[in-house]
Protein backbone atom coordinates (compact mmCIF):
# COMPACT_ATOMS: atom_id res chain seq x y z
CA MET A 1 -0.02 -0.19 -0.12
CA ASN A 2 1.22 3.45 -0.97
CA ALA A 3 0.49 7.01 0.41
CA GLU A 4 -2.31 7.79 -2.01
CA GLN A 5 -4.00 4.06 -1.32
CA LEU A 6 -3.58 4.97 2.28
CA THR A 7 -5.74 8.13 1.75
CA LEU A 8 -8.42 6.35 -0.48
CA LEU A 9 -8.70 3.72 2.05
CA ILE A 10 -9.59 6.61 4.90
CA ASP A 11 -12.02 7.93 2.43
CA GLU A 12 -13.71 4.62 2.01
CA LEU A 13 -13.63 4.05 6.01
CA LYS A 14 -16.48 6.76 6.22
CA LYS A 15 -18.75 4.86 3.77
CA HIS A 16 -17.83 1.70 5.43
CA ILE A 17 -18.88 2.99 8.93
CA VAL A 18 -22.25 4.48 7.25
CA SER A 19 -22.88 0.95 5.95
CA LEU A 20 -22.39 -0.81 9.46
CA LEU A 21 -24.77 2.03 11.17
CA HIS A 22 -27.13 1.15 8.08
CA ASN A 23 -27.23 -2.39 8.84
CA THR A 24 -27.44 -2.04 12.76
CA ASP A 25 -30.52 -2.41 14.80
CA HIS A 26 -29.64 0.43 16.99
CA LEU A 27 -32.42 -0.43 19.65
CA LYS A 28 -30.59 -3.79 20.23
CA ASP A 29 -27.96 -3.73 22.70
CA SER A 30 -26.20 -6.77 21.42
CA ASP A 31 -26.08 -4.94 17.86
CA VAL A 32 -24.86 -1.82 19.35
CA GLN A 33 -22.05 -3.61 21.15
CA LYS A 34 -21.23 -5.41 18.05
CA THR A 35 -20.98 -2.44 15.84
CA LEU A 36 -19.05 -0.59 18.54
CA LEU A 37 -16.36 -3.02 18.49
CA THR A 38 -16.25 -3.41 14.82
CA ILE A 39 -15.89 0.15 14.00
CA ASN A 40 -13.39 0.74 17.09
CA LYS A 41 -11.32 -2.05 15.69
CA ILE A 42 -11.37 -0.52 12.15
CA PHE A 43 -9.88 2.74 13.81
CA ASP A 44 -7.27 0.72 15.58
CA GLU A 45 -6.34 -1.26 12.46
CA LEU A 46 -6.09 1.95 10.43
CA GLY A 47 -3.71 3.33 13.22
CA LEU A 48 -1.45 0.55 12.75
CA THR A 49 -1.69 0.63 8.97
CA VAL A 50 -0.64 4.36 9.31
CA GLN A 51 2.34 3.27 11.29
CA GLU A 52 3.18 0.70 8.78
CA VAL A 53 2.82 2.70 5.53
CA LEU A 54 3.72 6.14 6.15
CA PRO A 55 7.49 5.78 7.32
CA VAL A 56 8.12 3.86 4.18
CA GLU A 57 6.47 6.37 1.83
CA LEU A 58 7.95 9.38 3.58
CA ALA A 59 11.45 7.80 3.24
CA LYS A 60 10.80 7.03 -0.79
CA SER A 61 9.69 10.77 -1.07
CA PHE A 62 12.93 11.87 0.76
CA PHE A 63 15.45 9.71 -1.12
CA ILE A 64 13.59 9.95 -4.60
CA ALA A 65 13.97 13.58 -4.20
CA ILE A 66 17.65 13.25 -3.67
CA ASP A 67 17.90 11.50 -6.90
CA GLU A 68 15.84 14.22 -8.57
CA ALA A 69 18.05 16.90 -7.30
CA THR A 70 20.96 15.28 -8.60
CA GLU A 71 19.55 15.14 -11.88
CA ASP A 72 18.45 19.16 -11.31
CA LEU A 73 22.11 19.65 -10.46
CA GLN A 74 23.84 17.82 -13.39
CA GLU A 75 21.31 19.78 -15.71
CA GLN A 76 22.82 23.06 -14.61
CA GLY A 77 26.35 21.66 -14.83
CA ILE A 78 27.08 19.90 -11.31
CA ARG A 79 28.23 16.57 -12.03
CA LEU A 80 27.69 14.21 -8.66
CA ASN A 81 28.29 10.72 -8.07
CA GLY A 82 25.90 8.06 -6.98
CA ARG A 83 22.16 7.33 -6.86
CA ALA A 84 20.36 7.13 -3.63
CA ILE A 85 17.99 4.30 -4.70
CA VAL A 86 19.21 1.34 -6.95
CA ASP A 87 16.66 -1.15 -7.72
CA GLY A 88 14.09 0.11 -5.19
CA VAL A 89 16.82 0.08 -2.37
CA VAL A 90 18.37 3.21 -0.49
CA GLN A 91 21.75 2.77 -0.75
CA ALA A 92 24.21 2.80 2.32
CA ASP A 93 26.42 5.83 0.89
CA PHE A 94 23.24 8.11 1.39
CA LYS A 95 22.17 6.81 4.78
CA THR A 96 23.98 9.43 6.55
CA GLN A 97 23.29 10.39 10.14
CA ALA A 98 21.99 13.91 8.85
CA ASN A 99 19.60 12.07 6.20
CA VAL A 100 18.46 9.66 8.92
CA GLU A 101 17.96 12.64 11.41
CA ALA A 102 16.03 14.91 8.80
CA LEU A 103 13.81 11.97 7.53
CA SER A 104 13.03 10.80 11.40
CA ASN A 105 11.77 14.06 12.32
CA ILE A 106 9.38 14.35 9.64
CA VAL A 107 8.11 10.70 10.20
CA THR A 108 7.84 11.48 13.89
CA ASP A 109 5.91 14.88 13.22
CA THR A 110 3.64 12.95 10.79
CA LEU A 111 2.86 9.80 13.02
CA LEU A 112 2.20 11.93 15.86
CA ASP A 113 -0.38 14.09 13.79
CA MET A 114 -2.12 11.23 12.40
CA GLN A 115 -2.39 9.18 15.35
CA ALA A 116 -3.73 11.98 17.37
CA ALA A 117 -6.48 12.22 14.16
CA ILE A 118 -7.44 8.88 14.39
CA ARG A 119 -7.72 8.83 18.25
CA THR A 120 -9.72 11.85 18.08
CA ALA A 121 -11.95 10.89 15.46
CA LYS A 122 -12.29 7.46 17.11
CA GLU A 123 -13.51 9.12 20.62
CA ASN A 124 -15.78 11.48 18.65
CA PHE A 125 -17.45 8.54 16.99
CA ASN A 126 -18.04 6.77 20.33
CA ASP A 127 -19.39 9.87 22.21
CA THR A 128 -21.54 11.03 19.04
CA TYR A 129 -23.05 7.54 18.81
CA MET A 130 -23.92 6.91 22.32
CA GLN A 131 -25.30 10.30 22.57
CA THR A 132 -27.62 9.90 19.63
CA LEU A 133 -28.52 6.48 20.78
CA GLU A 134 -29.80 8.07 23.89
CA ALA A 135 -31.45 10.64 22.40
CA VAL A 136 -33.40 8.51 20.03
CA ARG A 137 -34.21 6.21 22.90
CA SER A 138 -35.50 9.53 24.67
CA ASP A 139 -37.73 10.46 21.70
CA ILE A 140 -39.43 6.68 21.52
CA SER A 141 -40.35 7.20 25.44
CA LYS A 142 -41.80 10.37 24.86
CA GLY A 143 -43.68 9.28 21.65
CA MET A 144 -41.71 11.57 19.62
CA LEU A 145 -40.17 8.71 17.39
CA ASP A 146 -41.81 5.56 16.53
CA GLY A 147 -39.77 2.74 17.68
CA ASN A 148 -40.68 0.49 14.92
CA ASN A 149 -39.60 2.80 12.33
CA ARG A 150 -36.15 1.54 11.58
CA GLU A 151 -35.48 3.87 8.98
CA ALA A 152 -35.85 6.95 10.76
CA ILE A 153 -33.69 5.64 13.48
CA ILE A 154 -30.98 4.79 10.95
CA LYS A 155 -31.34 8.15 9.31
CA ARG A 156 -30.77 9.94 12.55
CA VAL A 157 -27.67 7.81 13.41
CA SER A 158 -26.11 8.19 10.17
CA GLU A 159 -26.80 11.72 9.68
CA THR A 160 -25.54 12.76 13.04
CA PHE A 161 -22.41 10.56 12.57
CA LEU A 162 -21.62 12.41 9.06
CA GLN A 163 -22.36 15.50 10.72
CA ASP A 164 -20.02 15.21 13.85
CA GLY A 165 -19.20 11.71 14.55
CA PHE A 166 -15.84 11.63 11.93
CA THR A 167 -14.13 14.78 13.21
CA SER A 168 -10.57 14.64 13.88
CA PHE A 169 -9.34 18.15 14.22
CA LYS A 170 -10.61 21.59 15.05
CA THR A 171 -9.20 24.59 13.83
CA VAL A 172 -8.14 27.82 15.26
CA ASP A 173 -11.46 29.54 13.79
CA GLY A 174 -13.65 26.60 15.00
CA LYS A 175 -14.01 24.36 12.16
CA GLN A 176 -14.31 20.71 12.65
CA LEU A 177 -12.32 18.86 10.16
CA PRO A 178 -13.29 15.09 9.11
CA LEU A 179 -10.58 12.31 9.41
CA ASP A 180 -10.61 11.87 5.51
CA PHE A 181 -10.31 15.50 4.78
CA TYR A 182 -7.45 16.17 7.41
CA SER A 183 -5.68 12.98 6.77
CA ARG A 184 -5.47 13.36 3.11
CA THR A 185 -4.12 17.08 3.84
CA VAL A 186 -1.70 15.78 6.35
CA VAL A 187 -0.31 12.90 4.18
CA ARG A 188 0.02 15.15 1.07
CA THR A 189 1.49 18.06 3.09
CA LYS A 190 4.32 15.69 4.76
CA MET A 191 5.00 13.89 1.65
CA ARG A 192 5.71 17.47 -0.25
CA THR A 193 7.97 18.15 3.08
CA ALA A 194 9.88 15.14 2.67
CA THR A 195 10.40 16.01 -1.21
CA ASN A 196 11.45 19.30 -0.15
CA HIS A 197 14.05 18.60 2.27
CA GLY A 198 15.40 15.77 0.03
CA HIS A 199 16.05 18.12 -2.85
CA LEU A 200 17.66 20.96 -0.31
CA THR A 201 19.86 18.25 1.35
CA ARG A 202 21.41 17.27 -1.79
CA TYR A 203 21.95 20.95 -2.85
CA GLU A 204 23.67 21.93 0.09
CA GLU A 205 25.87 18.84 -0.36
CA ALA A 206 26.74 20.25 -3.79
CA GLY A 207 27.68 23.77 -2.23
CA VAL A 208 24.60 25.31 -3.80
CA ASN A 209 23.05 27.79 -1.57
CA LEU A 210 20.71 29.43 -3.99
CA VAL A 211 17.26 27.97 -5.04
CA THR A 212 14.04 29.23 -7.19
CA ILE A 213 10.89 28.38 -6.43
CA THR A 214 8.47 26.93 -9.15
CA GLY A 215 5.09 24.87 -9.40
CA ARG A 216 2.12 24.17 -11.30
CA GLU A 217 -0.28 27.36 -12.71
CA PRO A 218 -2.64 28.72 -11.82
CA THR A 219 -1.57 28.91 -8.10
CA CYS A 220 -2.79 30.59 -4.87
CA GLY A 221 -1.83 34.28 -4.07
CA ALA A 222 0.49 32.72 -1.14
CA CYS A 223 2.73 30.60 -3.47
CA ALA A 224 2.72 33.26 -6.22
CA ARG A 225 4.57 35.56 -3.94
CA TYR A 226 7.61 33.16 -4.31
CA ARG A 227 7.26 31.77 -7.65
CA ASN A 228 10.05 32.25 -9.82
CA HIS A 229 12.36 34.38 -7.34
CA VAL A 230 15.82 33.20 -6.41
CA PHE A 231 16.37 32.86 -2.59
CA SER A 232 19.72 32.29 -0.65
CA ILE A 233 19.43 29.44 1.80
CA ASP A 234 22.28 30.65 4.16
CA GLY A 235 21.90 34.40 3.72
CA GLU A 236 25.61 34.66 2.46
CA ASP A 237 24.55 36.09 -1.14
CA LYS A 238 22.93 39.34 -0.11
CA ARG A 239 21.75 40.05 -3.88
CA PHE A 240 18.93 37.87 -3.11
CA PRO A 241 16.68 37.48 -0.14
CA HIS A 242 17.11 35.07 2.64
CA ILE A 243 14.20 32.82 3.68
CA ASN A 244 14.28 29.73 5.85
CA VAL A 245 13.47 27.58 2.98
CA TYR A 246 13.23 24.32 5.30
CA GLU A 247 10.88 25.77 7.65
CA LEU A 248 8.65 28.00 5.15
CA PHE A 249 7.77 25.38 2.62
CA PRO A 250 5.13 23.98 2.07
CA LEU A 251 3.65 27.23 2.48
CA HIS A 252 0.08 25.77 3.35
CA PRO A 253 -1.54 22.41 3.32
CA ASN A 254 -1.44 21.07 -0.22
CA CYS A 255 1.30 23.61 -1.28
CA GLU A 256 2.72 22.35 -4.73
CA CYS A 257 5.55 24.72 -4.54
CA ARG A 258 8.78 23.13 -5.96
CA ILE A 259 12.47 24.22 -4.96
CA ARG A 260 15.11 23.94 -7.84
CA PRO A 261 18.58 24.90 -7.76
CA PHE A 262 20.06 28.01 -9.01
CA VAL A 263 23.61 27.21 -9.59
CA ILE A 264 24.88 30.82 -10.29
CA GLU A 265 28.32 29.69 -11.49
CA TYR A 266 26.93 28.27 -14.69
CA LYS A 267 24.67 31.29 -15.28
CA SER A 268 25.26 33.79 -17.86
CA GLN A 269 25.74 37.38 -16.89
CA SER A 270 22.26 38.13 -18.19
CA GLU A 271 20.57 35.48 -16.07
CA ILE A 272 22.09 36.55 -13.16
CA ASN A 273 21.13 40.14 -13.82
CA GLU A 274 17.58 39.36 -14.69
CA ALA A 275 17.25 37.20 -11.21
CA VAL A 276 18.88 40.24 -9.29
CA VAL A 277 16.26 42.56 -10.76
CA LYS A 278 13.66 40.15 -9.88
CA ALA A 279 14.97 39.70 -6.69
CA LYS A 280 14.33 43.49 -5.88
CA SER A 281 10.58 43.06 -6.60
CA PHE A 282 9.76 40.33 -3.86
CA ASN A 283 7.57 41.27 -1.48
CA PRO A 284 5.87 38.41 0.86
CA ASP A 285 2.94 40.56 1.54
CA ILE A 286 1.79 41.61 -1.78
CA ASP A 287 -0.24 38.99 -4.18
CA PRO A 288 1.44 39.54 -7.77
CA ARG A 289 -1.06 37.72 -9.84
CA ALA A 290 -2.95 39.49 -12.42
CA GLN A 291 -6.54 39.33 -12.37
CA LYS A 292 -6.40 36.84 -15.40
CA GLN A 293 -4.23 34.39 -13.23
CA LYS A 294 -6.67 35.21 -10.30
CA ASP A 295 -9.60 33.80 -12.27
CA ALA A 296 -8.24 30.91 -13.52
CA TYR A 297 -7.05 29.92 -10.17
CA LYS A 298 -10.60 30.69 -8.95
CA GLN A 299 -12.05 28.10 -11.59
CA ASP A 300 -9.55 25.57 -10.73
CA GLN A 301 -10.73 25.88 -7.05
CA ASP A 302 -14.05 25.79 -8.00
CA LYS A 303 -13.80 22.52 -9.97
CA LYS A 304 -12.25 21.05 -6.88
CA ARG A 305 -14.61 22.15 -4.51
CA ILE A 306 -17.63 20.86 -6.83
CA ALA A 307 -15.71 17.41 -6.60
CA ARG A 308 -15.68 17.79 -2.53
CA GLN A 309 -19.44 18.39 -2.83
CA GLU A 310 -20.06 15.46 -4.74
CA ASP A 311 -18.08 13.19 -2.38
CA LYS A 312 -20.21 14.67 0.47
CA HIS A 313 -23.46 14.10 -1.47
CA TYR A 314 -22.59 10.78 -2.41
CA ILE A 315 -21.83 9.75 1.00
CA LYS A 316 -25.17 11.33 2.19
CA MET A 317 -26.98 9.53 -0.78
CA LYS A 318 -25.60 5.96 0.47
CA ALA A 319 -26.52 6.85 3.79
CA ILE A 320 -30.11 7.48 2.86
CA LEU A 321 -30.74 5.30 -0.05
CA GLY A 322 -28.76 2.15 0.92
CA ASP A 323 -28.36 -0.73 -2.00
CA LYS A 324 -30.66 1.66 -4.14
CA ALA A 325 -27.83 4.34 -4.39
CA PRO A 326 -24.66 3.92 -7.18
CA LYS A 327 -22.25 1.44 -6.18
CA ASN A 328 -19.58 4.00 -6.01
CA ILE A 329 -18.45 7.65 -6.32
CA GLY A 330 -17.58 6.89 -10.12
CA ALA A 331 -21.04 5.59 -10.96
CA TYR A 332 -22.38 8.52 -8.91
CA ARG A 333 -20.61 11.18 -11.27
CA ASN A 334 -21.34 9.37 -14.32
CA ILE A 335 -25.09 9.28 -13.61
CA LYS A 336 -24.96 12.93 -12.63
CA ARG A 337 -23.34 13.91 -15.88
CA ASN A 338 -24.48 11.69 -18.22
CA ASN A 339 -27.94 10.64 -16.99
CA PRO A 340 -29.68 13.64 -15.30
CA SER A 341 -33.20 12.20 -15.37
CA LYS A 342 -31.80 9.30 -13.25
CA PHE A 343 -29.92 11.63 -10.95
CA GLU A 344 -32.88 13.55 -10.42
CA ALA A 345 -35.29 10.53 -9.73
CA LEU A 346 -32.37 9.28 -7.02
CA ARG A 347 -32.54 12.86 -5.56
CA GLN A 348 -36.47 12.58 -5.37
CA GLN A 349 -36.24 9.19 -3.81
CA MET A 350 -34.02 10.80 -1.22
CA LYS A 351 -36.32 13.65 -0.55
CA GLY A 352 -39.37 11.29 -0.24
CA ILE A 353 -37.36 9.06 2.20
CA VAL A 354 -36.67 12.15 4.41
CA LYS A 355 -40.05 13.49 3.90
CA ASP A 356 -41.88 10.40 4.94
CA GLU A 357 -39.55 9.66 8.00
CA ASN A 358 -39.96 13.37 9.10
CA SER A 359 -44.02 12.85 8.91
CA LYS A 360 -43.41 9.56 10.72
CA THR A 361 -41.29 11.21 13.70
CA GLY A 362 -43.02 14.70 13.72
């Protein structure tokens, strides 16, 4: 299993829990206990999987980056001997104390973040589930909910779980981040950190202390401020701004900025002059993008936002329709895009079930 497969596994975990809740008799103590044990075991097994997968994947990113950096340096005129990875194995010459310590720090930070997130999600699930069951049973005793209306009970439990029972992290502004979203963000960000540090380690080994920041376009306002500028790693070359490249990048979760060497010894005078002039315009407080670039980035983000909304809607549809829902998110998107009448029928089925359950519980 690789890092991408791990994040997909966590994505599927939420759907699996919804399925388990859908097939549980929430008024039967033995069923409740069985479901609790099963779901808690899933969280525990996920924690073990994270411990097995991420250290290996982070190491791959780090040492692959060293070899990428070697190629980048060679393209600019610096010849280096050896490769960090040969036939999938890290070579002994590259298992230096500095490399091992740098990688160990990234691995430790990542595992601490992920284990805390899984632990929090597990605790939130248990608390939310038991509180919801208490509320359901209280409503039944008060005559506010029909104890024989299994679908209404399942709907209450499933929707509460989707809203509150999978949260793993609370942001400074109070947002509750679900485990699937948070873990995907952590993994991608830490993999990028490992890649960045691998590149920087190799550059400094080669005596290169100037780097330039590149990345895909369109980009956000934060990353745009650093793109295509040359920076000094150690601050010795005063012609270029000094930043703590190790600590600054990634600039934000899912940052795609890449760090490339600027080997000044092999640059023409015109290239150096151009870089020096551009360096004078560097301002980390001003977004340098033109309106056209901002619009392109917004369109890109809108597409990603729609995809996330579709993920959420599919999970909700699965919770309400059960086996009548599309088998997976791919089938859901195919129906939505290519069979609008069928998609509308599914939406109406959802509304009908919700309306029927509300009339029975009102």
